[in-house]
Amino acid sequence: MADELKRRIQEDMKAAMRAKDSRRLGVIRMIMAAVKQREVDERTELDDAGVLAVLDKMLKQRRDALAQFREAGREDLVDKESYEIEVIQAYLPPPLSEAELDALIDEAIQATGAASPKDMGKVMGRLKPLVQGRADMGAVSGRVQQRLG
C-alpha cells in the first residue's frame, strides 16, 4: 500500500498509451520522470508522501507559470499549463476546507506549545505531512504566522 500512488500513476500511463491519448501520456510521463529523478537524486524509493511532495512542487511550478503566461497573453501556453495542472491535481487528495485547515493549525499550535512567531518552525514541521498536497504551503505558513503573531 505504501506505493499505491506511484502504481496508480503507472497504470494510468499504460491506459493513456492504450487509448493513444498522447496529451495525457505526456503529462503522466513528465510526472513519472520527476518522481524517478528525485528517487535517483536521493538514492531511495519514494513512498506516497514523497510522490505527493513531488506532485505538490510540480503543481506550484505550473501555477506560477500559468500566471506568467496569462500576463503575457500566451493563451496557447495557458491552455497547456491548465491541462497539466488538471492531470496533476487528479493524483492529489481533495483540498482541505478552511475549517479543516484552521482545526489542523489550532491542533498543531496546541501540540507544540507554540506561543510566538519564533515557534513557527515547530508548527510547520508538524503541519506539513498533514496538509501536503491538500493546501498551499505558502498560504498555510501565512495563516500560522498570523495566529502566532
N, C-alpha and C. Protein backbone atom coordinates (compact mmCIF):
# COMPACT_ATOMS: atom_id res chain seq x y z
N MET A 1 0.81 -1.20 0.00
CA MET A 1 0.00 0.00 0.00
C MET A 1 0.86 1.27 0.00
N ALA A 2 2.10 1.15 0.43
CA ALA A 2 2.96 2.32 0.54
C ALA A 2 3.19 3.01 -0.80
N ASP A 3 3.20 2.26 -1.88
CA ASP A 3 3.48 2.86 -3.19
C ASP A 3 2.23 2.89 -4.07
N GLU A 4 1.08 2.98 -3.44
CA GLU A 4 -0.19 2.95 -4.15
C GLU A 4 -0.30 4.07 -5.19
N LEU A 5 0.13 5.27 -4.83
CA LEU A 5 0.02 6.42 -5.72
C LEU A 5 0.89 6.24 -6.96
N LYS A 6 2.11 5.78 -6.75
CA LYS A 6 3.03 5.57 -7.88
C LYS A 6 2.48 4.48 -8.81
N ARG A 7 1.93 3.44 -8.22
CA ARG A 7 1.36 2.34 -9.01
C ARG A 7 0.16 2.86 -9.83
N ARG A 8 -0.66 3.70 -9.20
CA ARG A 8 -1.82 4.28 -9.90
C ARG A 8 -1.37 5.14 -11.10
N ILE A 9 -0.31 5.91 -10.90
CA ILE A 9 0.21 6.75 -11.99
C ILE A 9 0.71 5.86 -13.13
N GLN A 10 1.41 4.78 -12.79
CA GLN A 10 1.92 3.86 -13.81
C GLN A 10 0.78 3.20 -14.58
N GLU A 11 -0.28 2.80 -13.86
CA GLU A 11 -1.45 2.19 -14.52
C GLU A 11 -2.11 3.20 -15.47
N ASP A 12 -2.21 4.44 -15.02
CA ASP A 12 -2.81 5.48 -15.86
C ASP A 12 -1.95 5.74 -17.10
N MET A 13 -0.64 5.60 -16.94
CA MET A 13 0.26 5.78 -18.08
C MET A 13 -0.01 4.69 -19.12
N LYS A 14 -0.15 3.46 -18.66
CA LYS A 14 -0.45 2.35 -19.58
C LYS A 14 -1.80 2.56 -20.27
N ALA A 15 -2.79 3.03 -19.50
CA ALA A 15 -4.12 3.27 -20.06
C ALA A 15 -4.07 4.38 -21.12
N ALA A 16 -3.29 5.42 -20.84
CA ALA A 16 -3.16 6.52 -21.81
C ALA A 16 -2.47 6.04 -23.09
N MET A 17 -1.51 5.13 -22.93
CA MET A 17 -0.83 4.55 -24.11
C MET A 17 -1.83 3.76 -24.94
N ARG A 18 -2.60 2.90 -24.26
CA ARG A 18 -3.59 2.08 -24.97
C ARG A 18 -4.63 2.95 -25.67
N ALA A 19 -5.02 4.04 -25.02
CA ALA A 19 -6.05 4.93 -25.58
C ALA A 19 -5.46 5.89 -26.62
N LYS A 20 -4.14 5.83 -26.79
CA LYS A 20 -3.44 6.73 -27.71
C LYS A 20 -3.73 8.21 -27.38
N ASP A 21 -3.82 8.49 -26.08
CA ASP A 21 -4.05 9.84 -25.58
C ASP A 21 -2.68 10.49 -25.34
N SER A 22 -2.08 11.00 -26.38
CA SER A 22 -0.70 11.49 -26.29
C SER A 22 -0.56 12.70 -25.38
N ARG A 23 -1.58 13.53 -25.31
CA ARG A 23 -1.50 14.73 -24.46
C ARG A 23 -1.41 14.32 -22.98
N ARG A 24 -2.31 13.43 -22.57
CA ARG A 24 -2.32 12.95 -21.18
C ARG A 24 -1.06 12.12 -20.89
N LEU A 25 -0.68 11.30 -21.83
CA LEU A 25 0.51 10.46 -21.69
C LEU A 25 1.75 11.33 -21.43
N GLY A 26 1.84 12.44 -22.16
CA GLY A 26 2.99 13.33 -21.99
C GLY A 26 3.09 13.88 -20.57
N VAL A 27 1.95 14.27 -20.01
CA VAL A 27 1.93 14.82 -18.65
C VAL A 27 2.28 13.72 -17.65
N ILE A 28 1.71 12.54 -17.82
CA ILE A 28 1.99 11.43 -16.88
C ILE A 28 3.46 11.03 -16.96
N ARG A 29 4.01 11.01 -18.15
CA ARG A 29 5.45 10.69 -18.29
C ARG A 29 6.30 11.75 -17.58
N MET A 30 5.87 13.00 -17.67
CA MET A 30 6.58 14.09 -17.00
C MET A 30 6.54 13.88 -15.47
N ILE A 31 5.40 13.46 -14.97
CA ILE A 31 5.26 13.17 -13.53
C ILE A 31 6.19 12.03 -13.14
N MET A 32 6.15 10.95 -13.91
CA MET A 32 7.00 9.79 -13.61
C MET A 32 8.48 10.15 -13.67
N ALA A 33 8.85 11.00 -14.63
CA ALA A 33 10.25 11.43 -14.74
C ALA A 33 10.68 12.23 -13.52
N ALA A 34 9.79 13.10 -13.03
CA ALA A 34 10.11 13.90 -11.85
C ALA A 34 10.25 13.01 -10.61
N VAL A 35 9.38 12.01 -10.49
CA VAL A 35 9.45 11.07 -9.36
C VAL A 35 10.75 10.28 -9.44
N LYS A 36 11.04 9.76 -10.64
CA LYS A 36 12.25 8.95 -10.84
C LYS A 36 13.51 9.80 -10.56
N GLN A 37 13.50 11.07 -11.01
CA GLN A 37 14.64 11.95 -10.79
C GLN A 37 14.90 12.14 -9.30
N ARG A 38 13.84 12.35 -8.54
CA ARG A 38 14.01 12.52 -7.09
C ARG A 38 14.51 11.23 -6.45
N GLU A 39 14.01 10.08 -6.94
CA GLU A 39 14.48 8.80 -6.40
C GLU A 39 15.97 8.61 -6.67
N VAL A 40 16.40 8.97 -7.86
CA VAL A 40 17.82 8.83 -8.22
C VAL A 40 18.65 9.81 -7.39
N ASP A 41 18.19 11.06 -7.29
CA ASP A 41 18.92 12.08 -6.52
C ASP A 41 19.09 11.66 -5.07
N GLU A 42 18.05 11.10 -4.49
CA GLU A 42 18.08 10.74 -3.07
C GLU A 42 18.47 9.29 -2.83
N ARG A 43 18.69 8.55 -3.90
CA ARG A 43 19.04 7.12 -3.83
C ARG A 43 18.08 6.35 -2.92
N THR A 44 16.79 6.54 -3.19
CA THR A 44 15.77 5.90 -2.39
C THR A 44 14.52 5.66 -3.23
N GLU A 45 13.63 4.84 -2.72
CA GLU A 45 12.34 4.59 -3.37
C GLU A 45 11.33 5.48 -2.66
N LEU A 46 10.63 6.33 -3.41
CA LEU A 46 9.68 7.26 -2.79
C LEU A 46 8.40 6.54 -2.38
N ASP A 47 7.91 6.86 -1.19
CA ASP A 47 6.61 6.37 -0.76
C ASP A 47 5.56 7.38 -1.22
N ASP A 48 4.31 7.15 -0.85
CA ASP A 48 3.24 8.05 -1.28
C ASP A 48 3.48 9.49 -0.84
N ALA A 49 4.01 9.68 0.36
CA ALA A 49 4.27 11.04 0.86
C ALA A 49 5.32 11.73 -0.01
N GLY A 50 6.33 10.98 -0.42
CA GLY A 50 7.37 11.53 -1.29
C GLY A 50 6.83 11.89 -2.66
N VAL A 51 5.98 11.02 -3.20
CA VAL A 51 5.36 11.27 -4.51
C VAL A 51 4.46 12.50 -4.41
N LEU A 52 3.72 12.61 -3.30
CA LEU A 52 2.86 13.78 -3.09
C LEU A 52 3.68 15.06 -3.06
N ALA A 53 4.85 15.02 -2.43
CA ALA A 53 5.71 16.19 -2.37
C ALA A 53 6.16 16.60 -3.78
N VAL A 54 6.49 15.61 -4.61
CA VAL A 54 6.88 15.90 -6.00
C VAL A 54 5.71 16.52 -6.76
N LEU A 55 4.52 15.93 -6.61
CA LEU A 55 3.33 16.45 -7.29
C LEU A 55 3.00 17.86 -6.83
N ASP A 56 3.15 18.10 -5.54
CA ASP A 56 2.88 19.42 -4.97
C ASP A 56 3.80 20.47 -5.58
N LYS A 57 5.07 20.11 -5.69
CA LYS A 57 6.07 21.03 -6.27
C LYS A 57 5.75 21.30 -7.75
N MET A 58 5.40 20.24 -8.47
CA MET A 58 5.06 20.39 -9.89
C MET A 58 3.84 21.31 -10.06
N LEU A 59 2.86 21.13 -9.18
CA LEU A 59 1.64 21.94 -9.24
C LEU A 59 1.97 23.41 -9.00
N LYS A 60 2.81 23.68 -8.03
CA LYS A 60 3.20 25.06 -7.73
C LYS A 60 3.91 25.68 -8.93
N GLN A 61 4.82 24.92 -9.55
CA GLN A 61 5.54 25.42 -10.73
C GLN A 61 4.57 25.75 -11.86
N ARG A 62 3.59 24.85 -12.07
CA ARG A 62 2.61 25.07 -13.14
C ARG A 62 1.76 26.32 -12.87
N ARG A 63 1.35 26.48 -11.61
CA ARG A 63 0.52 27.65 -11.26
C ARG A 63 1.30 28.95 -11.46
N ASP A 64 2.58 28.94 -11.08
CA ASP A 64 3.42 30.13 -11.28
C ASP A 64 3.56 30.44 -12.77
N ALA A 65 3.82 29.41 -13.55
CA ALA A 65 3.98 29.58 -15.00
C ALA A 65 2.66 30.07 -15.61
N LEU A 66 1.55 29.52 -15.16
CA LEU A 66 0.23 29.89 -15.67
C LEU A 66 -0.01 31.39 -15.49
N ALA A 67 0.32 31.89 -14.31
CA ALA A 67 0.13 33.32 -14.04
C ALA A 67 0.99 34.16 -14.98
N GLN A 68 2.22 33.73 -15.21
CA GLN A 68 3.12 34.48 -16.10
C GLN A 68 2.62 34.44 -17.55
N PHE A 69 2.14 33.29 -18.00
CA PHE A 69 1.65 33.17 -19.37
C PHE A 69 0.39 34.00 -19.58
N ARG A 70 -0.48 34.03 -18.55
CA ARG A 70 -1.70 34.86 -18.63
C ARG A 70 -1.32 36.32 -18.79
N GLU A 71 -0.35 36.75 -17.98
CA GLU A 71 0.12 38.14 -18.02
C GLU A 71 0.67 38.49 -19.39
N ALA A 72 1.35 37.53 -20.00
CA ALA A 72 1.98 37.77 -21.30
C ALA A 72 1.01 37.56 -22.46
N GLY A 73 -0.22 37.12 -22.15
CA GLY A 73 -1.20 36.91 -23.20
C GLY A 73 -0.94 35.69 -24.08
N ARG A 74 -0.24 34.70 -23.54
CA ARG A 74 0.08 33.49 -24.30
C ARG A 74 -0.96 32.41 -24.02
N GLU A 75 -2.13 32.54 -24.67
CA GLU A 75 -3.24 31.61 -24.43
C GLU A 75 -2.89 30.16 -24.76
N ASP A 76 -2.04 29.95 -25.77
CA ASP A 76 -1.64 28.58 -26.12
C ASP A 76 -0.93 27.90 -24.94
N LEU A 77 -0.06 28.66 -24.29
CA LEU A 77 0.67 28.10 -23.15
C LEU A 77 -0.20 28.05 -21.89
N VAL A 78 -1.17 28.97 -21.79
CA VAL A 78 -2.11 28.94 -20.67
C VAL A 78 -2.90 27.63 -20.74
N ASP A 79 -3.36 27.26 -21.94
CA ASP A 79 -4.12 26.02 -22.12
C ASP A 79 -3.28 24.81 -21.74
N LYS A 80 -2.02 24.80 -22.18
CA LYS A 80 -1.12 23.67 -21.90
C LYS A 80 -0.90 23.52 -20.38
N GLU A 81 -0.58 24.62 -19.71
CA GLU A 81 -0.34 24.58 -18.27
C GLU A 81 -1.61 24.19 -17.52
N SER A 82 -2.76 24.71 -17.96
CA SER A 82 -4.04 24.39 -17.31
C SER A 82 -4.31 22.90 -17.38
N TYR A 83 -4.04 22.31 -18.55
CA TYR A 83 -4.25 20.88 -18.72
C TYR A 83 -3.32 20.08 -17.79
N GLU A 84 -2.05 20.51 -17.72
CA GLU A 84 -1.09 19.81 -16.86
C GLU A 84 -1.52 19.90 -15.40
N ILE A 85 -2.01 21.07 -14.98
CA ILE A 85 -2.50 21.25 -13.61
C ILE A 85 -3.64 20.29 -13.33
N GLU A 86 -4.55 20.19 -14.29
CA GLU A 86 -5.72 19.30 -14.15
C GLU A 86 -5.29 17.85 -13.96
N VAL A 87 -4.33 17.39 -14.77
CA VAL A 87 -3.87 16.00 -14.67
C VAL A 87 -3.14 15.76 -13.34
N ILE A 88 -2.28 16.69 -12.95
CA ILE A 88 -1.52 16.54 -11.69
C ILE A 88 -2.48 16.53 -10.50
N GLN A 89 -3.48 17.42 -10.50
CA GLN A 89 -4.42 17.50 -9.39
C GLN A 89 -5.21 16.22 -9.20
N ALA A 90 -5.39 15.46 -10.27
CA ALA A 90 -6.15 14.21 -10.19
C ALA A 90 -5.47 13.21 -9.24
N TYR A 91 -4.16 13.37 -9.02
CA TYR A 91 -3.43 12.45 -8.15
C TYR A 91 -3.30 12.96 -6.72
N LEU A 92 -3.73 14.17 -6.47
CA LEU A 92 -3.63 14.75 -5.14
C LEU A 92 -4.92 14.49 -4.37
N PRO A 93 -4.81 14.38 -3.05
CA PRO A 93 -6.03 14.22 -2.25
C PRO A 93 -6.88 15.49 -2.35
N PRO A 94 -8.17 15.40 -2.01
CA PRO A 94 -9.02 16.59 -2.10
C PRO A 94 -8.49 17.71 -1.20
N PRO A 95 -8.59 18.95 -1.64
CA PRO A 95 -8.09 20.06 -0.83
C PRO A 95 -8.84 20.19 0.50
N LEU A 96 -8.15 20.70 1.49
CA LEU A 96 -8.76 20.91 2.80
C LEU A 96 -9.67 22.14 2.75
N SER A 97 -10.76 22.07 3.49
CA SER A 97 -11.64 23.25 3.60
C SER A 97 -10.98 24.23 4.57
N GLU A 98 -11.46 25.46 4.58
CA GLU A 98 -10.92 26.47 5.50
C GLU A 98 -11.04 25.98 6.95
N ALA A 99 -12.21 25.42 7.29
CA ALA A 99 -12.45 24.95 8.66
C ALA A 99 -11.49 23.81 9.03
N GLU A 100 -11.29 22.86 8.10
CA GLU A 100 -10.38 21.74 8.37
C GLU A 100 -8.96 22.25 8.58
N LEU A 101 -8.56 23.20 7.73
CA LEU A 101 -7.21 23.76 7.83
C LEU A 101 -7.03 24.50 9.15
N ASP A 102 -8.02 25.30 9.54
CA ASP A 102 -7.95 26.03 10.81
C ASP A 102 -7.85 25.06 11.99
N ALA A 103 -8.61 23.97 11.93
CA ALA A 103 -8.59 22.97 13.01
C ALA A 103 -7.20 22.32 13.10
N LEU A 104 -6.60 22.00 11.96
CA LEU A 104 -5.26 21.40 11.96
C LEU A 104 -4.22 22.37 12.51
N ILE A 105 -4.34 23.65 12.13
CA ILE A 105 -3.41 24.67 12.62
C ILE A 105 -3.55 24.81 14.14
N ASP A 106 -4.78 24.89 14.62
CA ASP A 106 -5.02 25.01 16.07
C ASP A 106 -4.42 23.82 16.82
N GLU A 107 -4.66 22.62 16.28
CA GLU A 107 -4.16 21.40 16.92
C GLU A 107 -2.63 21.41 16.95
N ALA A 108 -2.00 21.84 15.85
CA ALA A 108 -0.54 21.85 15.77
C ALA A 108 0.05 22.88 16.74
N ILE A 109 -0.60 24.03 16.87
CA ILE A 109 -0.13 25.06 17.79
C ILE A 109 -0.22 24.55 19.23
N GLN A 110 -1.34 23.90 19.56
CA GLN A 110 -1.51 23.35 20.92
C GLN A 110 -0.50 22.24 21.20
N ALA A 111 -0.36 21.32 20.24
CA ALA A 111 0.51 20.17 20.44
C ALA A 111 1.98 20.57 20.61
N THR A 112 2.40 21.63 19.93
CA THR A 112 3.80 22.05 20.01
C THR A 112 4.02 23.07 21.11
N GLY A 113 2.94 23.59 21.68
CA GLY A 113 3.06 24.60 22.73
C GLY A 113 3.56 25.92 22.18
N ALA A 114 3.34 26.15 20.90
CA ALA A 114 3.82 27.37 20.25
C ALA A 114 3.12 28.60 20.83
N ALA A 115 3.93 29.66 21.07
CA ALA A 115 3.37 30.86 21.68
C ALA A 115 3.73 32.13 20.92
N SER A 116 4.75 32.05 20.07
CA SER A 116 5.19 33.25 19.35
C SER A 116 5.70 32.87 17.96
N PRO A 117 5.95 33.88 17.12
CA PRO A 117 6.45 33.59 15.76
C PRO A 117 7.76 32.79 15.75
N LYS A 118 8.50 32.80 16.87
CA LYS A 118 9.73 32.00 16.96
C LYS A 118 9.45 30.51 16.84
N ASP A 119 8.23 30.11 17.21
CA ASP A 119 7.86 28.69 17.21
C ASP A 119 7.29 28.22 15.87
N MET A 120 7.35 29.07 14.88
CA MET A 120 6.78 28.80 13.55
C MET A 120 7.30 27.48 12.97
N GLY A 121 8.60 27.22 13.08
CA GLY A 121 9.20 26.01 12.51
C GLY A 121 8.61 24.74 13.09
N LYS A 122 8.40 24.73 14.41
CA LYS A 122 7.82 23.56 15.07
C LYS A 122 6.42 23.28 14.54
N VAL A 123 5.62 24.34 14.43
CA VAL A 123 4.24 24.20 13.98
C VAL A 123 4.21 23.72 12.53
N MET A 124 5.01 24.35 11.68
CA MET A 124 5.03 23.98 10.25
C MET A 124 5.54 22.55 10.07
N GLY A 125 6.51 22.15 10.88
CA GLY A 125 7.04 20.79 10.81
C GLY A 125 5.96 19.77 11.11
N ARG A 126 5.09 20.10 12.05
CA ARG A 126 4.00 19.19 12.40
C ARG A 126 2.90 19.21 11.33
N LEU A 127 2.65 20.39 10.77
CA LEU A 127 1.57 20.53 9.79
C LEU A 127 1.89 19.95 8.41
N LYS A 128 3.14 20.10 7.99
CA LYS A 128 3.50 19.75 6.61
C LYS A 128 3.03 18.37 6.16
N PRO A 129 3.31 17.29 6.91
CA PRO A 129 2.85 15.98 6.43
C PRO A 129 1.32 15.85 6.39
N LEU A 130 0.63 16.65 7.20
CA LEU A 130 -0.83 16.58 7.25
C LEU A 130 -1.51 17.33 6.10
N VAL A 131 -0.86 18.39 5.63
CA VAL A 131 -1.51 19.23 4.62
C VAL A 131 -0.86 19.14 3.24
N GLN A 132 0.26 18.44 3.13
CA GLN A 132 0.99 18.31 1.86
C GLN A 132 0.05 17.85 0.74
N GLY A 133 0.00 18.62 -0.32
CA GLY A 133 -0.84 18.26 -1.45
C GLY A 133 -2.31 18.61 -1.27
N ARG A 134 -2.67 19.07 -0.08
CA ARG A 134 -4.07 19.39 0.19
C ARG A 134 -4.30 20.86 0.45
N ALA A 135 -3.18 21.63 0.58
CA ALA A 135 -3.29 23.07 0.79
C ALA A 135 -1.98 23.71 0.33
N ASP A 136 -2.06 24.96 -0.08
CA ASP A 136 -0.87 25.71 -0.50
C ASP A 136 -0.04 26.02 0.74
N MET A 137 1.18 25.51 0.78
CA MET A 137 2.02 25.66 1.98
C MET A 137 2.32 27.13 2.27
N GLY A 138 2.41 27.96 1.25
CA GLY A 138 2.63 29.39 1.47
C GLY A 138 1.47 30.02 2.21
N ALA A 139 0.26 29.65 1.82
CA ALA A 139 -0.94 30.18 2.48
C ALA A 139 -1.03 29.65 3.92
N VAL A 140 -0.68 28.37 4.10
CA VAL A 140 -0.71 27.77 5.45
C VAL A 140 0.29 28.51 6.34
N SER A 141 1.47 28.76 5.82
CA SER A 141 2.50 29.46 6.56
C SER A 141 2.02 30.85 6.98
N GLY A 142 1.36 31.55 6.07
CA GLY A 142 0.81 32.86 6.37
C GLY A 142 -0.23 32.83 7.50
N ARG A 143 -1.07 31.81 7.45
CA ARG A 143 -2.12 31.67 8.49
C ARG A 143 -1.52 31.35 9.84
N VAL A 144 -0.48 30.49 9.85
CA VAL A 144 0.17 30.14 11.11
C VAL A 144 0.85 31.38 11.68
N GLN A 145 1.52 32.12 10.82
CA GLN A 145 2.22 33.34 11.26
C GLN A 145 1.22 34.34 11.86
N GLN A 146 0.08 34.46 11.20
CA GLN A 146 -0.97 35.36 11.68
C GLN A 146 -1.45 34.95 13.08
N ARG A 147 -1.62 33.65 13.28
CA ARG A 147 -2.10 33.14 14.58
C ARG A 147 -1.05 33.35 15.68
N LEU A 148 0.22 33.15 15.30
CA LEU A 148 1.29 33.27 16.30
C LEU A 148 1.72 34.72 16.52
N GLY A 149 1.40 35.57 15.56
CA GLY A 149 1.80 36.99 15.63
C GLY A 149 0.94 37.70 16.59
